């Protein structure tokens, strides 16, 4: 049976992605499979509103869901308790000081799960993007211990968040507050909604509106 989506060989560096609006509705946003995680392929994906998401042992799966979860930095909601935590100045914040450590913590299985979508190949690929200036991490420290953080891909003035982690209460939230305060970014792409993100002001917009904003802000 013919695949409902394109399936590219791992050596294929030339075939472009299909238009994002041709993605499947079920599963929501599945657009393509195969290809590779070379920097040029990844950069092209993010510039077109596409990201990889798959498990070990699977082919690379490429997605562009509809709707899309985003945060407008000026509309980030900071709870009273989080403001108190931040005012205590318990945390030190850094950028790109420990990218590999951040992605390493993010790749650990979550409670109740025995697997992770951040494979060794994904880790290596995003570390290479960071070296080239296309990916960035925010680290939250308590003294010299990494307490939490996040990482993502930079597309112009859009920060495409990939994952976050906390070893201490509120640490990942503090990282998100620091990201929203970074004047380089006009939009934070959260990709998929979670209760945690929605509680902090994330909203869901149509893929069409997201791609329009990405075209405008991603230059």
N, C-alpha and C. Protein backbone atom coordinates (compact mmCIF):
# COMPACT_ATOMS: atom_id res chain seq x y z
N UNK A 1 0.84 -1.20 0.00
CA UNK A 1 0.00 0.00 0.00
C UNK A 1 0.88 1.25 0.00
N UNK A 2 0.53 2.22 -0.80
CA UNK A 2 1.31 3.44 -0.89
C UNK A 2 1.17 4.26 0.38
N UNK A 3 2.31 4.79 0.87
CA UNK A 3 2.29 5.61 2.07
C UNK A 3 1.50 6.89 1.81
N UNK A 4 0.68 7.34 2.80
CA UNK A 4 -0.08 8.59 2.62
C UNK A 4 0.81 9.82 2.71
N UNK A 5 2.06 9.66 3.11
CA UNK A 5 3.01 10.77 3.20
C UNK A 5 4.29 10.41 2.46
N UNK A 6 5.06 11.38 2.00
CA UNK A 6 6.34 11.08 1.37
C UNK A 6 7.29 10.39 2.36
N UNK A 7 8.08 9.46 1.86
CA UNK A 7 9.07 8.76 2.67
C UNK A 7 10.40 8.87 1.92
N UNK A 8 11.35 9.63 2.51
CA UNK A 8 12.62 9.88 1.84
C UNK A 8 13.72 8.98 2.39
N UNK A 9 14.63 8.64 1.53
CA UNK A 9 15.81 7.88 1.93
C UNK A 9 16.70 8.76 2.83
N UNK A 10 17.42 8.13 3.74
CA UNK A 10 18.26 8.87 4.68
C UNK A 10 19.36 9.66 3.99
N UNK A 11 19.69 9.30 2.76
CA UNK A 11 20.74 10.02 2.04
C UNK A 11 20.21 11.18 1.22
N UNK A 12 18.89 11.37 1.25
CA UNK A 12 18.27 12.41 0.42
C UNK A 12 18.45 13.79 1.06
N UNK A 13 19.32 14.59 0.48
CA UNK A 13 19.55 15.95 0.97
C UNK A 13 18.91 17.01 0.10
N UNK A 14 18.27 16.61 -0.97
CA UNK A 14 17.81 17.57 -1.97
C UNK A 14 16.30 17.76 -2.03
N UNK A 15 15.54 16.69 -1.81
CA UNK A 15 14.09 16.79 -1.93
C UNK A 15 13.53 17.73 -0.87
N UNK A 16 12.82 18.77 -1.25
CA UNK A 16 12.28 19.70 -0.24
C UNK A 16 11.11 19.09 0.52
N UNK A 17 10.78 19.70 1.64
CA UNK A 17 9.60 19.27 2.40
C UNK A 17 8.33 19.60 1.61
N UNK A 18 7.32 18.76 1.76
CA UNK A 18 6.02 19.14 1.19
C UNK A 18 5.49 20.39 1.92
N UNK A 19 4.58 21.14 1.31
CA UNK A 19 3.99 22.28 2.02
C UNK A 19 3.36 21.83 3.34
N UNK A 20 3.54 22.62 4.38
CA UNK A 20 3.04 22.24 5.71
C UNK A 20 1.54 22.00 5.72
N UNK A 21 0.81 22.72 4.87
CA UNK A 21 -0.65 22.57 4.88
C UNK A 21 -1.14 21.27 4.22
N UNK A 22 -0.19 20.44 3.76
CA UNK A 22 -0.57 19.13 3.22
C UNK A 22 -0.44 18.03 4.27
N UNK A 23 -0.12 18.41 5.51
CA UNK A 23 0.04 17.43 6.58
C UNK A 23 -1.28 16.71 6.86
N UNK A 24 -1.18 15.51 7.38
CA UNK A 24 -2.35 14.71 7.71
C UNK A 24 -3.14 15.33 8.87
N UNK A 25 -4.42 15.03 8.90
CA UNK A 25 -5.24 15.46 10.03
C UNK A 25 -5.26 14.41 11.14
N UNK A 26 -4.97 13.17 10.77
CA UNK A 26 -4.91 12.08 11.76
C UNK A 26 -3.82 11.08 11.35
N UNK A 27 -2.71 11.01 12.08
CA UNK A 27 -2.40 11.83 13.25
C UNK A 27 -2.14 13.28 12.86
N UNK A 28 -2.54 14.16 13.76
CA UNK A 28 -2.54 15.59 13.47
C UNK A 28 -1.14 16.11 13.17
N UNK A 29 -0.95 16.53 11.93
CA UNK A 29 0.28 17.22 11.56
C UNK A 29 1.36 16.38 10.94
N UNK A 30 1.17 15.07 10.83
CA UNK A 30 2.21 14.23 10.23
C UNK A 30 2.35 14.58 8.75
N UNK A 31 3.58 14.93 8.36
CA UNK A 31 3.81 15.48 7.03
C UNK A 31 4.71 14.60 6.17
N UNK A 32 5.76 14.05 6.78
CA UNK A 32 6.75 13.33 6.00
C UNK A 32 7.52 12.39 6.92
N UNK A 33 8.17 11.39 6.32
CA UNK A 33 9.02 10.47 7.09
C UNK A 33 10.35 10.31 6.37
N UNK A 34 11.36 9.93 7.15
CA UNK A 34 12.67 9.65 6.56
C UNK A 34 13.56 10.86 6.51
N UNK A 35 14.41 10.93 5.49
CA UNK A 35 15.44 11.97 5.34
C UNK A 35 16.46 11.85 6.47
N UNK A 36 16.95 12.96 6.99
CA UNK A 36 18.01 12.92 7.99
C UNK A 36 17.94 14.16 8.87
N UNK A 37 18.84 14.22 9.83
CA UNK A 37 18.86 15.33 10.79
C UNK A 37 20.06 16.24 10.57
N UNK A 38 20.53 16.32 9.33
CA UNK A 38 21.63 17.23 9.04
C UNK A 38 21.19 18.67 9.30
N UNK A 39 22.14 19.53 9.67
CA UNK A 39 21.77 20.92 10.00
C UNK A 39 20.94 21.61 8.92
N UNK A 40 21.31 21.44 7.67
CA UNK A 40 20.58 22.11 6.60
C UNK A 40 19.14 21.63 6.50
N UNK A 41 18.93 20.34 6.73
CA UNK A 41 17.57 19.78 6.70
C UNK A 41 16.76 20.32 7.88
N UNK A 42 17.35 20.35 9.05
CA UNK A 42 16.65 20.86 10.23
C UNK A 42 16.31 22.35 10.08
N UNK A 43 17.26 23.12 9.63
CA UNK A 43 17.02 24.56 9.48
C UNK A 43 15.89 24.80 8.48
N UNK A 44 15.90 24.06 7.38
CA UNK A 44 14.83 24.17 6.40
C UNK A 44 13.48 23.81 7.01
N UNK A 45 13.46 22.77 7.82
CA UNK A 45 12.21 22.35 8.48
C UNK A 45 11.64 23.47 9.33
N UNK A 46 12.44 24.00 10.23
CA UNK A 46 11.94 25.01 11.15
C UNK A 46 11.53 26.28 10.43
N UNK A 47 12.23 26.62 9.37
CA UNK A 47 11.84 27.82 8.61
C UNK A 47 10.50 27.64 7.92
N UNK A 48 10.08 26.40 7.76
CA UNK A 48 8.80 26.11 7.10
C UNK A 48 7.73 25.61 8.06
N UNK A 49 7.97 25.80 9.36
CA UNK A 49 6.96 25.43 10.35
C UNK A 49 6.86 23.94 10.62
N UNK A 50 7.96 23.22 10.44
CA UNK A 50 8.00 21.76 10.55
C UNK A 50 9.03 21.37 11.59
N UNK A 51 8.79 20.29 12.32
CA UNK A 51 9.77 19.81 13.29
C UNK A 51 9.77 18.29 13.34
N UNK A 52 10.89 17.67 13.72
CA UNK A 52 10.95 16.21 13.84
C UNK A 52 10.50 15.76 15.23
N UNK A 53 9.83 14.59 15.25
CA UNK A 53 9.37 14.04 16.53
C UNK A 53 9.12 12.55 16.31
N UNK A 54 9.91 11.73 16.93
CA UNK A 54 9.82 10.29 16.72
C UNK A 54 10.50 9.57 17.87
N UNK A 55 10.38 8.26 17.92
CA UNK A 55 11.00 7.46 18.97
C UNK A 55 12.14 6.63 18.40
N UNK A 56 13.02 6.18 19.27
CA UNK A 56 14.11 5.30 18.85
C UNK A 56 13.55 4.09 18.12
N UNK A 57 14.18 3.71 17.02
CA UNK A 57 13.73 2.55 16.26
C UNK A 57 12.74 2.89 15.17
N UNK A 58 12.20 4.11 15.19
CA UNK A 58 11.28 4.57 14.15
C UNK A 58 12.04 5.38 13.11
N UNK A 59 11.51 5.50 11.89
CA UNK A 59 12.07 6.48 10.97
C UNK A 59 11.82 7.89 11.52
N UNK A 60 12.59 8.85 11.06
CA UNK A 60 12.34 10.24 11.45
C UNK A 60 10.96 10.65 10.93
N UNK A 61 10.15 11.19 11.81
CA UNK A 61 8.82 11.67 11.43
C UNK A 61 8.80 13.19 11.55
N UNK A 62 8.23 13.84 10.54
CA UNK A 62 8.22 15.31 10.48
C UNK A 62 6.77 15.80 10.61
N UNK A 63 6.58 16.86 11.42
CA UNK A 63 5.23 17.28 11.81
C UNK A 63 5.01 18.78 11.61
N UNK A 64 3.77 19.14 11.35
CA UNK A 64 3.32 20.53 11.36
C UNK A 64 1.86 20.54 11.79
N UNK A 65 1.61 20.49 13.10
CA UNK A 65 0.24 20.32 13.61
C UNK A 65 -0.63 21.55 13.40
N UNK A 66 -1.92 21.33 13.42
CA UNK A 66 -2.92 22.38 13.30
C UNK A 66 -4.02 22.09 14.32
N UNK A 67 -4.21 22.96 15.34
CA UNK A 67 -3.58 24.26 15.54
C UNK A 67 -2.17 24.15 16.12
N UNK A 68 -1.56 25.31 16.30
CA UNK A 68 -0.19 25.41 16.81
C UNK A 68 -0.22 26.19 18.12
N UNK A 69 0.56 25.75 19.09
CA UNK A 69 0.59 26.42 20.39
C UNK A 69 1.74 27.43 20.43
N UNK A 70 1.41 28.67 20.74
CA UNK A 70 2.42 29.72 20.79
C UNK A 70 2.25 30.57 22.05
N UNK A 71 3.29 31.34 22.36
CA UNK A 71 3.21 32.36 23.40
C UNK A 71 3.69 33.67 22.81
N UNK A 72 2.88 34.72 22.96
CA UNK A 72 3.35 36.07 22.67
C UNK A 72 4.04 36.55 23.94
N UNK A 73 5.32 36.86 23.90
CA UNK A 73 6.08 37.16 25.12
C UNK A 73 5.41 38.19 26.04
N UNK A 74 4.80 39.23 25.47
CA UNK A 74 4.17 40.27 26.29
C UNK A 74 2.93 39.77 27.02
N UNK A 75 2.43 38.60 26.60
CA UNK A 75 1.20 38.07 27.20
C UNK A 75 1.47 36.89 28.14
N UNK A 76 2.75 36.67 28.47
CA UNK A 76 3.08 35.60 29.39
C UNK A 76 2.44 35.86 30.75
N UNK A 77 1.81 34.85 31.33
CA UNK A 77 1.17 34.98 32.64
C UNK A 77 2.10 34.46 33.72
N UNK A 78 2.41 35.31 34.67
CA UNK A 78 3.29 34.94 35.78
C UNK A 78 2.46 34.95 37.05
N UNK A 79 2.29 33.80 37.65
CA UNK A 79 1.46 33.69 38.85
C UNK A 79 2.09 34.44 40.03
N UNK A 80 1.26 34.74 41.02
CA UNK A 80 1.75 35.45 42.21
C UNK A 80 2.85 34.65 42.90
N UNK A 81 2.66 33.33 42.98
CA UNK A 81 3.67 32.51 43.66
C UNK A 81 4.98 32.49 42.89
N UNK A 82 4.89 32.48 41.55
CA UNK A 82 6.12 32.49 40.74
C UNK A 82 6.82 33.84 40.87
N UNK A 83 6.05 34.92 40.93
CA UNK A 83 6.67 36.24 41.12
C UNK A 83 7.44 36.28 42.45
N UNK A 84 6.87 35.68 43.47
CA UNK A 84 7.54 35.64 44.78
C UNK A 84 8.85 34.86 44.68
N UNK A 85 8.78 33.74 43.96
CA UNK A 85 9.98 32.92 43.78
C UNK A 85 11.08 33.71 43.07
N UNK A 86 10.69 34.43 42.02
CA UNK A 86 11.66 35.20 41.25
C UNK A 86 12.23 36.34 42.09
N UNK A 87 11.39 37.00 42.89
CA UNK A 87 11.85 38.12 43.72
C UNK A 87 12.86 37.69 44.78
N UNK A 88 12.77 36.42 45.17
CA UNK A 88 13.74 35.93 46.16
C UNK A 88 15.15 35.86 45.58
N UNK A 89 15.24 35.95 44.23
CA UNK A 89 16.52 35.90 43.54
C UNK A 89 17.33 34.68 43.95
N UNK A 90 16.64 33.58 44.01
CA UNK A 90 17.26 32.31 44.38
C UNK A 90 18.05 31.73 43.20
N UNK A 91 17.66 32.14 41.99
CA UNK A 91 18.22 31.53 40.79
C UNK A 91 19.21 32.46 40.09
N UNK A 92 20.17 31.85 39.40
CA UNK A 92 21.04 32.54 38.45
C UNK A 92 20.69 32.03 37.06
N UNK A 93 20.60 32.94 36.10
CA UNK A 93 20.18 32.58 34.74
C UNK A 93 21.36 32.76 33.78
N UNK A 94 21.53 31.79 32.88
CA UNK A 94 22.56 31.91 31.85
C UNK A 94 22.00 31.44 30.51
N UNK A 95 22.69 31.83 29.44
CA UNK A 95 22.31 31.43 28.08
C UNK A 95 23.46 30.66 27.45
N UNK A 96 23.16 29.48 26.97
CA UNK A 96 24.14 28.68 26.23
C UNK A 96 25.40 28.36 27.02
N UNK A 97 25.30 28.36 28.32
CA UNK A 97 26.45 27.98 29.15
C UNK A 97 26.58 26.47 29.24
N UNK A 98 25.45 25.77 29.10
CA UNK A 98 25.48 24.31 29.30
C UNK A 98 24.43 23.65 28.40
N UNK A 99 24.51 23.92 27.09
CA UNK A 99 23.50 23.38 26.16
C UNK A 99 23.42 21.86 26.25
N UNK A 100 24.56 21.19 26.21
CA UNK A 100 24.56 19.72 26.22
C UNK A 100 23.96 19.17 27.51
N UNK A 101 24.22 19.84 28.64
CA UNK A 101 23.64 19.39 29.90
C UNK A 101 22.13 19.55 29.89
N UNK A 102 21.65 20.68 29.35
CA UNK A 102 20.21 20.92 29.30
C UNK A 102 19.51 19.86 28.46
N UNK A 103 20.01 19.62 27.26
CA UNK A 103 19.35 18.64 26.41
C UNK A 103 19.49 17.24 27.01
N UNK A 104 20.58 16.99 27.73
CA UNK A 104 20.73 15.70 28.41
C UNK A 104 19.67 15.49 29.48
N UNK A 105 19.39 16.53 30.26
CA UNK A 105 18.34 16.42 31.28
C UNK A 105 16.96 16.29 30.63
N UNK A 106 16.73 17.06 29.55
CA UNK A 106 15.44 16.99 28.86
C UNK A 106 15.19 15.61 28.26
N UNK A 107 16.26 14.91 27.90
CA UNK A 107 16.11 13.61 27.24
C UNK A 107 15.79 12.47 28.20
N UNK A 108 15.88 12.73 29.50
CA UNK A 108 15.59 11.67 30.47
C UNK A 108 14.09 11.38 30.47
N UNK A 109 13.69 10.09 30.54
CA UNK A 109 12.26 9.76 30.56
C UNK A 109 11.52 10.46 31.69
N UNK A 110 10.33 10.94 31.38
CA UNK A 110 9.49 11.58 32.39
C UNK A 110 8.89 10.53 33.32
N UNK A 111 8.49 10.92 34.55
CA UNK A 111 7.84 9.97 35.45
C UNK A 111 6.65 9.30 34.79
N UNK A 112 6.57 7.99 34.90
CA UNK A 112 5.48 7.24 34.28
C UNK A 112 5.74 6.83 32.86
N UNK A 113 6.91 7.22 32.32
CA UNK A 113 7.27 6.86 30.96
C UNK A 113 8.61 6.14 30.97
N UNK A 114 8.75 5.15 30.08
CA UNK A 114 10.01 4.41 30.03
C UNK A 114 10.81 4.73 28.78
N UNK A 115 10.39 5.79 28.06
CA UNK A 115 11.10 6.14 26.84
C UNK A 115 11.21 7.64 26.67
N UNK A 116 11.92 8.06 25.63
CA UNK A 116 12.08 9.48 25.34
C UNK A 116 12.13 9.67 23.84
N UNK A 117 11.64 10.83 23.37
CA UNK A 117 11.70 11.13 21.95
C UNK A 117 13.01 11.84 21.60
N UNK A 118 13.76 12.26 22.62
CA UNK A 118 15.04 12.93 22.34
C UNK A 118 16.11 11.85 22.27
N UNK A 119 16.28 11.31 21.09
CA UNK A 119 17.21 10.21 20.86
C UNK A 119 18.65 10.73 20.84
N UNK A 120 19.60 9.79 20.82
CA UNK A 120 21.01 10.19 20.73
C UNK A 120 21.27 10.98 19.45
N UNK A 121 20.64 10.56 18.34
CA UNK A 121 20.81 11.28 17.08
C UNK A 121 20.24 12.70 17.17
N UNK A 122 19.09 12.83 17.84
CA UNK A 122 18.50 14.16 18.02
C UNK A 122 19.43 15.04 18.86
N UNK A 123 19.96 14.47 19.93
CA UNK A 123 20.86 15.23 20.80
C UNK A 123 22.06 15.75 20.01
N UNK A 124 22.68 14.87 19.24
CA UNK A 124 23.85 15.28 18.45
C UNK A 124 23.47 16.35 17.43
N UNK A 125 22.30 16.21 16.81
CA UNK A 125 21.87 17.16 15.78
C UNK A 125 21.65 18.55 16.36
N UNK A 126 20.99 18.63 17.52
CA UNK A 126 20.70 19.95 18.10
C UNK A 126 21.94 20.57 18.72
N UNK A 127 22.84 19.76 19.21
CA UNK A 127 24.12 20.30 19.69
C UNK A 127 24.89 20.94 18.54
N UNK A 128 24.81 20.32 17.37
CA UNK A 128 25.46 20.90 16.19
C UNK A 128 24.77 22.20 15.79
N UNK A 129 23.45 22.25 15.87
CA UNK A 129 22.74 23.51 15.57
C UNK A 129 23.17 24.60 16.54
N UNK A 130 23.36 24.24 17.81
CA UNK A 130 23.78 25.22 18.81
C UNK A 130 25.17 25.77 18.48
N UNK A 131 26.05 24.90 18.04
CA UNK A 131 27.40 25.34 17.67
C UNK A 131 27.35 26.32 16.50
N UNK A 132 26.36 26.17 15.63
CA UNK A 132 26.23 27.04 14.46
C UNK A 132 25.38 28.27 14.73
N UNK A 133 24.87 28.39 15.97
CA UNK A 133 24.09 29.57 16.33
C UNK A 133 22.61 29.49 16.01
N UNK A 134 22.12 28.29 15.67
CA UNK A 134 20.70 28.12 15.32
C UNK A 134 19.87 27.53 16.46
N UNK A 135 20.51 27.15 17.55
CA UNK A 135 19.79 26.63 18.72
C UNK A 135 20.40 27.25 19.96
N UNK A 136 19.61 27.32 21.01
CA UNK A 136 20.06 28.01 22.22
C UNK A 136 19.40 27.38 23.44
N UNK A 137 20.10 27.45 24.55
CA UNK A 137 19.55 26.97 25.82
C UNK A 137 19.51 28.11 26.83
N UNK A 138 18.59 28.00 27.76
CA UNK A 138 18.55 28.88 28.93
C UNK A 138 18.72 27.98 30.14
N UNK A 139 19.68 28.31 30.98
CA UNK A 139 19.96 27.50 32.15
C UNK A 139 19.58 28.25 33.43
N UNK A 140 19.03 27.53 34.37
CA UNK A 140 18.69 28.07 35.68
C UNK A 140 19.54 27.35 36.72
N UNK A 141 20.28 28.15 37.48
CA UNK A 141 21.23 27.58 38.44
C UNK A 141 20.85 27.96 39.87
N UNK A 142 21.11 27.06 40.79
CA UNK A 142 21.12 27.36 42.22
C UNK A 142 22.55 27.11 42.67
N UNK A 143 23.24 28.22 42.95
CA UNK A 143 24.69 28.18 43.18
C UNK A 143 25.34 27.57 41.92
N UNK A 144 26.03 26.45 42.03
CA UNK A 144 26.68 25.87 40.85
C UNK A 144 25.94 24.65 40.32
N UNK A 145 24.73 24.44 40.80
CA UNK A 145 23.96 23.27 40.36
C UNK A 145 22.90 23.68 39.36
N UNK A 146 22.82 22.93 38.26
CA UNK A 146 21.80 23.18 37.24
C UNK A 146 20.45 22.72 37.77
N UNK A 147 19.53 23.68 37.94
CA UNK A 147 18.24 23.38 38.55
C UNK A 147 17.13 23.18 37.53
N UNK A 148 17.32 23.71 36.33
CA UNK A 148 16.30 23.59 35.30
C UNK A 148 16.75 24.34 34.06
N UNK A 149 15.92 24.26 33.02
CA UNK A 149 16.26 24.98 31.80
C UNK A 149 15.39 24.56 30.64
N UNK A 150 15.70 25.12 29.50
CA UNK A 150 14.98 24.79 28.26
C UNK A 150 15.93 25.00 27.09
N UNK A 151 15.55 24.45 25.94
CA UNK A 151 16.32 24.70 24.72
C UNK A 151 15.37 24.74 23.53
N UNK A 152 15.84 25.36 22.46
CA UNK A 152 15.02 25.44 21.27
C UNK A 152 15.81 25.95 20.09
N UNK A 153 15.12 26.14 18.99
CA UNK A 153 15.72 26.55 17.73
C UNK A 153 15.34 27.99 17.43
N UNK A 154 16.29 28.75 16.90
CA UNK A 154 16.07 30.16 16.58
C UNK A 154 15.79 30.32 15.10
N UNK A 155 14.65 30.92 14.77
CA UNK A 155 14.29 31.24 13.39
C UNK A 155 13.97 32.73 13.35
N UNK A 156 14.95 33.55 13.00
CA UNK A 156 14.74 34.99 13.03
C UNK A 156 14.40 35.45 14.43
N UNK A 157 13.25 36.08 14.60
CA UNK A 157 12.83 36.52 15.93
C UNK A 157 11.80 35.56 16.54
N UNK A 158 11.81 34.31 16.08
CA UNK A 158 10.95 33.26 16.64
C UNK A 158 11.83 32.25 17.37
N UNK A 159 11.44 31.93 18.60
CA UNK A 159 12.12 30.87 19.35
C UNK A 159 11.20 29.65 19.36
N UNK A 160 11.66 28.58 18.74
CA UNK A 160 10.86 27.35 18.68
C UNK A 160 11.30 26.45 19.83
N UNK A 161 10.52 26.43 20.89
CA UNK A 161 10.88 25.65 22.07
C UNK A 161 10.77 24.16 21.80
N UNK A 162 11.78 23.42 22.21
CA UNK A 162 11.79 21.98 22.02
C UNK A 162 11.46 21.22 23.30
N UNK A 163 12.10 21.57 24.40
CA UNK A 163 11.84 20.84 25.64
C UNK A 163 12.36 21.66 26.82
N UNK A 164 11.85 21.36 28.01
CA UNK A 164 12.30 22.00 29.24
C UNK A 164 12.34 20.97 30.36
N UNK A 165 13.04 21.29 31.41
CA UNK A 165 13.11 20.37 32.55
C UNK A 165 13.27 21.17 33.84
N UNK A 166 12.91 20.55 34.95
CA UNK A 166 13.10 21.12 36.28
C UNK A 166 13.63 20.06 37.22
N UNK A 167 14.66 20.41 37.94
CA UNK A 167 15.12 19.57 39.05
C UNK A 167 14.68 20.18 40.38
N UNK A 168 14.31 21.46 40.32
CA UNK A 168 13.83 22.19 41.49
C UNK A 168 12.51 22.86 41.13
N UNK A 169 11.59 23.01 42.09
CA UNK A 169 10.29 23.62 41.79
C UNK A 169 10.43 24.97 41.09
N UNK A 170 9.64 25.15 40.05
CA UNK A 170 9.54 26.41 39.31
C UNK A 170 10.73 26.73 38.42
N UNK A 171 11.76 25.89 38.38
CA UNK A 171 12.96 26.24 37.62
C UNK A 171 12.68 26.38 36.12
N UNK A 172 11.88 25.47 35.56
CA UNK A 172 11.58 25.58 34.13
C UNK A 172 10.69 26.80 33.85
N UNK A 173 9.84 27.16 34.81
CA UNK A 173 9.00 28.35 34.64
C UNK A 173 9.86 29.61 34.64
N UNK A 174 10.85 29.63 35.50
CA UNK A 174 11.77 30.78 35.53
C UNK A 174 12.50 30.89 34.19
N UNK A 175 12.87 29.75 33.60
CA UNK A 175 13.53 29.75 32.29
C UNK A 175 12.60 30.34 31.23
N UNK A 176 11.32 29.99 31.29
CA UNK A 176 10.36 30.51 30.31
C UNK A 176 10.16 32.01 30.50
N UNK A 177 10.14 32.47 31.74
CA UNK A 177 10.03 33.91 32.02
C UNK A 177 11.25 34.64 31.44
N UNK A 178 12.44 34.06 31.62
CA UNK A 178 13.66 34.65 31.08
C UNK A 178 13.62 34.70 29.56
N UNK A 179 13.08 33.66 28.95
CA UNK A 179 12.95 33.62 27.48
C UNK A 179 12.00 34.71 27.01
N UNK A 180 10.87 34.85 27.67
CA UNK A 180 9.88 35.86 27.26
C UNK A 180 10.43 37.28 27.44
N UNK A 181 11.36 37.46 28.35
CA UNK A 181 11.95 38.78 28.58
C UNK A 181 13.06 39.11 27.59
N UNK A 182 13.46 38.13 26.79
CA UNK A 182 14.53 38.32 25.81
C UNK A 182 13.97 39.07 24.61
N UNK A 183 14.39 40.30 24.43
CA UNK A 183 13.81 41.17 23.41
C UNK A 183 14.13 40.73 21.98
N UNK A 184 14.99 39.73 21.82
CA UNK A 184 15.26 39.22 20.46
C UNK A 184 14.07 38.50 19.88
N UNK A 185 13.18 38.00 20.75
CA UNK A 185 12.12 37.10 20.27
C UNK A 185 10.75 37.73 20.37
N UNK A 186 10.04 37.73 19.24
CA UNK A 186 8.69 38.30 19.18
C UNK A 186 7.62 37.23 19.32
N UNK A 187 8.00 35.96 19.16
CA UNK A 187 7.04 34.85 19.31
C UNK A 187 7.78 33.62 19.83
N UNK A 188 7.15 32.93 20.75
CA UNK A 188 7.67 31.65 21.25
C UNK A 188 6.75 30.56 20.74
N UNK A 189 7.29 29.66 19.96
CA UNK A 189 6.53 28.54 19.41
C UNK A 189 6.66 27.36 20.37
N UNK A 190 5.54 26.97 20.96
CA UNK A 190 5.54 25.85 21.90
C UNK A 190 5.16 24.53 21.21
N UNK A 191 4.83 24.60 19.92
CA UNK A 191 4.47 23.44 19.11
C UNK A 191 3.15 22.82 19.53
N UNK A 192 3.13 22.13 20.67
CA UNK A 192 1.93 21.43 21.13
C UNK A 192 1.53 21.94 22.52
N UNK A 193 0.23 22.07 22.77
CA UNK A 193 -0.21 22.62 24.06
C UNK A 193 -0.08 21.63 25.20
N UNK A 194 0.24 22.16 26.38
CA UNK A 194 0.19 21.39 27.62
C UNK A 194 -0.52 22.26 28.66
N UNK A 195 -1.01 21.64 29.71
CA UNK A 195 -1.67 22.41 30.78
C UNK A 195 -0.73 23.46 31.34
N UNK A 196 0.52 23.05 31.53
CA UNK A 196 1.55 23.93 32.08
C UNK A 196 1.72 25.18 31.22
N UNK A 197 1.82 25.00 29.91
CA UNK A 197 2.02 26.13 29.01
C UNK A 197 0.78 27.01 28.91
N UNK A 198 -0.38 26.38 28.82
CA UNK A 198 -1.63 27.14 28.73
C UNK A 198 -1.85 27.99 29.98
N UNK A 199 -1.44 27.46 31.13
CA UNK A 199 -1.60 28.22 32.38
C UNK A 199 -0.71 29.45 32.41
N UNK A 200 0.34 29.46 31.56
CA UNK A 200 1.26 30.59 31.54
C UNK A 200 1.01 31.52 30.34
N UNK A 201 -0.13 31.34 29.70
CA UNK A 201 -0.51 32.29 28.67
C UNK A 201 -0.38 31.80 27.24
N UNK A 202 -0.01 30.54 27.06
CA UNK A 202 0.06 30.01 25.70
C UNK A 202 -1.33 29.97 25.08
N UNK A 203 -1.39 30.16 23.77
CA UNK A 203 -2.66 30.09 23.05
C UNK A 203 -2.48 29.21 21.83
N UNK A 204 -3.58 28.69 21.33
CA UNK A 204 -3.54 27.87 20.12
C UNK A 204 -4.05 28.69 18.94
N UNK A 205 -3.27 28.72 17.88
CA UNK A 205 -3.66 29.44 16.67
C UNK A 205 -3.67 28.46 15.51
N UNK A 206 -4.37 28.82 14.46
CA UNK A 206 -4.42 27.94 13.29
C UNK A 206 -3.03 27.83 12.67
N UNK A 207 -2.79 26.72 11.98
CA UNK A 207 -1.51 26.57 11.29
C UNK A 207 -1.32 27.70 10.28
N UNK A 208 -2.39 28.10 9.62
CA UNK A 208 -2.31 29.17 8.63
C UNK A 208 -1.80 30.46 9.28
N UNK A 209 -2.37 30.81 10.44
CA UNK A 209 -1.95 32.03 11.13
C UNK A 209 -0.52 31.89 11.65
N UNK A 210 -0.18 30.69 12.12
CA UNK A 210 1.18 30.46 12.60
C UNK A 210 2.19 30.65 11.47
N UNK A 211 1.92 30.03 10.32
CA UNK A 211 2.85 30.12 9.20
C UNK A 211 2.97 31.56 8.69
N UNK A 212 1.88 32.30 8.74
CA UNK A 212 1.91 33.71 8.35
C UNK A 212 2.82 34.51 9.28
N UNK A 213 2.68 34.25 10.60
CA UNK A 213 3.55 34.93 11.57
C UNK A 213 4.99 34.52 11.40
N UNK A 214 5.22 33.23 11.13
CA UNK A 214 6.58 32.73 10.95
C UNK A 214 7.24 33.37 9.73
N UNK A 215 6.48 33.52 8.66
CA UNK A 215 7.00 34.17 7.46
C UNK A 215 7.42 35.60 7.75
N UNK A 216 6.63 36.28 8.57
CA UNK A 216 6.91 37.68 8.88
C UNK A 216 8.06 37.82 9.88
N UNK A 217 8.08 36.97 10.91
CA UNK A 217 9.03 37.13 12.02
C UNK A 217 10.29 36.28 11.87
N UNK A 218 10.24 35.29 10.97
CA UNK A 218 11.32 34.33 10.90
C UNK A 218 12.45 34.72 9.97
N UNK A 219 12.52 35.98 9.60
CA UNK A 219 13.55 36.43 8.66
C UNK A 219 14.83 36.82 9.41
